[in-house]
Amino acid sequence: MEFHKGSVLGPILFLIYINDIDVSVACKVLKFADDTKIYKVVNSQEDIESFRNDLKNLVKWSVDWQMLFNTDKCKIIHISHSANYIFPTLCTLNMHVLHLLGVCS
């Protein structure tokens, strides 16, 4: 199905198509056009595992709906008031290592 550039129907159908992306994740999800962000407060190893599990669920969703994420554009940013952060530098999305952009304090 194709829509002309500038069509109102195309973006609406796309939003309906991706509307259930956040059903299987515990993280907060922000959706804007074709951009998706997930975020979570991480205070423990369990929070890290929950975040990783959400990434796995997003990959499953993307495979099921045949809308794979562009893993080259997927990044992690860590924001903290403390220099002693516990978030690992290694998380993967569809076997692609997500790079930690930096730590802000």
Protein backbone atom coordinates (compact mmCIF):
# COMPACT_ATOMS: atom_id res chain seq x y z
CA MET A 1 0.00 0.00 0.00
CA GLU A 2 1.48 3.36 -1.01
CA PHE A 3 0.51 6.85 -0.03
CA HIS A 4 1.49 10.10 -1.68
CA LYS A 5 4.04 12.26 0.08
CA GLY A 6 2.22 14.74 2.25
CA SER A 7 -0.76 12.43 2.67
CA VAL A 8 -2.63 12.68 5.97
CA LEU A 9 -3.72 9.04 5.81
CA GLY A 10 -0.19 7.55 5.67
CA PRO A 11 1.03 8.88 9.07
CA ILE A 12 -2.28 8.03 10.74
CA LEU A 13 -2.15 4.43 9.51
CA PHE A 14 1.50 4.18 10.60
CA LEU A 15 0.60 5.36 14.12
CA ILE A 16 -2.22 2.81 14.29
CA TYR A 17 0.20 0.14 13.07
CA ILE A 18 2.78 0.82 15.82
CA ASN A 19 0.28 1.68 18.55
CA ASP A 20 0.81 -1.60 20.44
CA ILE A 21 4.62 -1.39 20.55
CA ASP A 22 4.56 -0.55 24.27
CA VAL A 23 2.25 -3.40 25.36
CA SER A 24 5.07 -5.83 26.11
CA VAL A 25 7.53 -3.43 27.78
CA ALA A 26 7.76 -2.21 31.36
CA CYS A 27 9.77 0.90 30.43
CA LYS A 28 8.13 4.18 29.57
CA VAL A 29 7.77 4.54 25.80
CA LEU A 30 7.76 7.76 23.78
CA LYS A 31 6.58 7.58 20.17
CA PHE A 32 6.83 10.38 17.65
CA ALA A 33 6.40 9.67 13.94
CA ASP A 34 8.87 6.86 13.22
CA ASP A 35 11.00 7.56 16.30
CA THR A 36 10.67 5.45 19.45
CA LYS A 37 12.40 6.04 22.77
CA ILE A 38 12.25 3.91 25.91
CA TYR A 39 13.45 5.07 29.30
CA LYS A 40 13.64 3.72 32.81
CA VAL A 41 15.02 4.66 36.20
CA VAL A 42 17.74 2.12 36.97
CA ASN A 43 18.65 1.56 40.61
CA SER A 44 19.53 -2.12 40.71
CA GLN A 45 20.67 -5.13 38.74
CA GLU A 46 17.00 -6.18 38.47
CA ASP A 47 16.22 -2.85 36.76
CA ILE A 48 19.02 -3.51 34.29
CA GLU A 49 17.65 -6.97 33.53
CA SER A 50 14.16 -5.51 33.12
CA PHE A 51 15.54 -2.97 30.64
CA ARG A 52 17.32 -5.71 28.70
CA ASN A 53 14.14 -7.80 28.69
CA ASP A 54 12.23 -4.82 27.27
CA LEU A 55 14.81 -4.55 24.49
CA LYS A 56 14.27 -8.24 23.70
CA ASN A 57 10.50 -7.72 23.65
CA LEU A 58 10.88 -4.77 21.27
CA VAL A 59 12.97 -6.90 18.92
CA LYS A 60 10.31 -9.61 19.02
CA TRP A 61 7.62 -7.02 18.24
CA SER A 62 9.66 -5.62 15.35
CA VAL A 63 10.23 -9.08 13.87
CA ASP A 64 6.56 -10.05 14.28
CA TRP A 65 5.40 -6.86 12.53
CA GLN A 66 8.29 -6.84 10.03
CA MET A 67 9.39 -3.36 11.09
CA LEU A 68 13.00 -3.84 12.12
CA PHE A 69 14.76 -1.13 14.08
CA ASN A 70 17.67 0.63 12.44
CA THR A 71 20.22 -0.51 15.02
CA ASP A 72 22.83 1.93 13.69
CA LYS A 73 20.64 4.72 15.05
CA CYS A 74 19.92 3.05 18.42
CA LYS A 75 21.91 4.47 21.32
CA ILE A 76 21.87 4.54 25.12
CA ILE A 77 22.35 7.65 27.20
CA HIS A 78 22.89 7.52 30.94
CA ILE A 79 21.99 10.51 33.09
CA SER A 80 23.04 10.55 36.73
CA HIS A 81 23.76 12.84 39.67
CA SER A 82 26.49 10.45 40.76
CA ALA A 83 29.73 9.33 39.17
CA ASN A 84 29.05 5.86 40.62
CA TYR A 85 26.63 4.56 38.05
CA ILE A 86 25.64 0.94 37.70
CA PHE A 87 24.33 0.84 34.14
CA PRO A 88 26.38 -1.51 31.98
CA THR A 89 28.04 -0.32 28.82
CA LEU A 90 26.84 -3.44 27.00
CA CYS A 91 23.24 -3.77 25.89
CA THR A 92 22.14 -5.32 22.64
CA LEU A 93 19.24 -4.89 20.27
CA ASN A 94 18.83 -7.71 17.80
CA MET A 95 22.44 -8.85 18.45
CA HIS A 96 23.73 -5.31 17.73
CA VAL A 97 25.67 -3.70 20.59
CA LEU A 98 24.11 -0.40 21.62
CA HIS A 99 26.72 2.23 22.36
CA LEU A 100 26.61 4.31 25.51
CA LEU A 101 26.72 7.92 24.29
CA GLY A 102 28.00 9.27 27.55
CA VAL A 103 27.33 9.86 31.17
CA CYS A 104 25.89 13.19 32.21
CA SER A 105 25.92 14.30 35.80
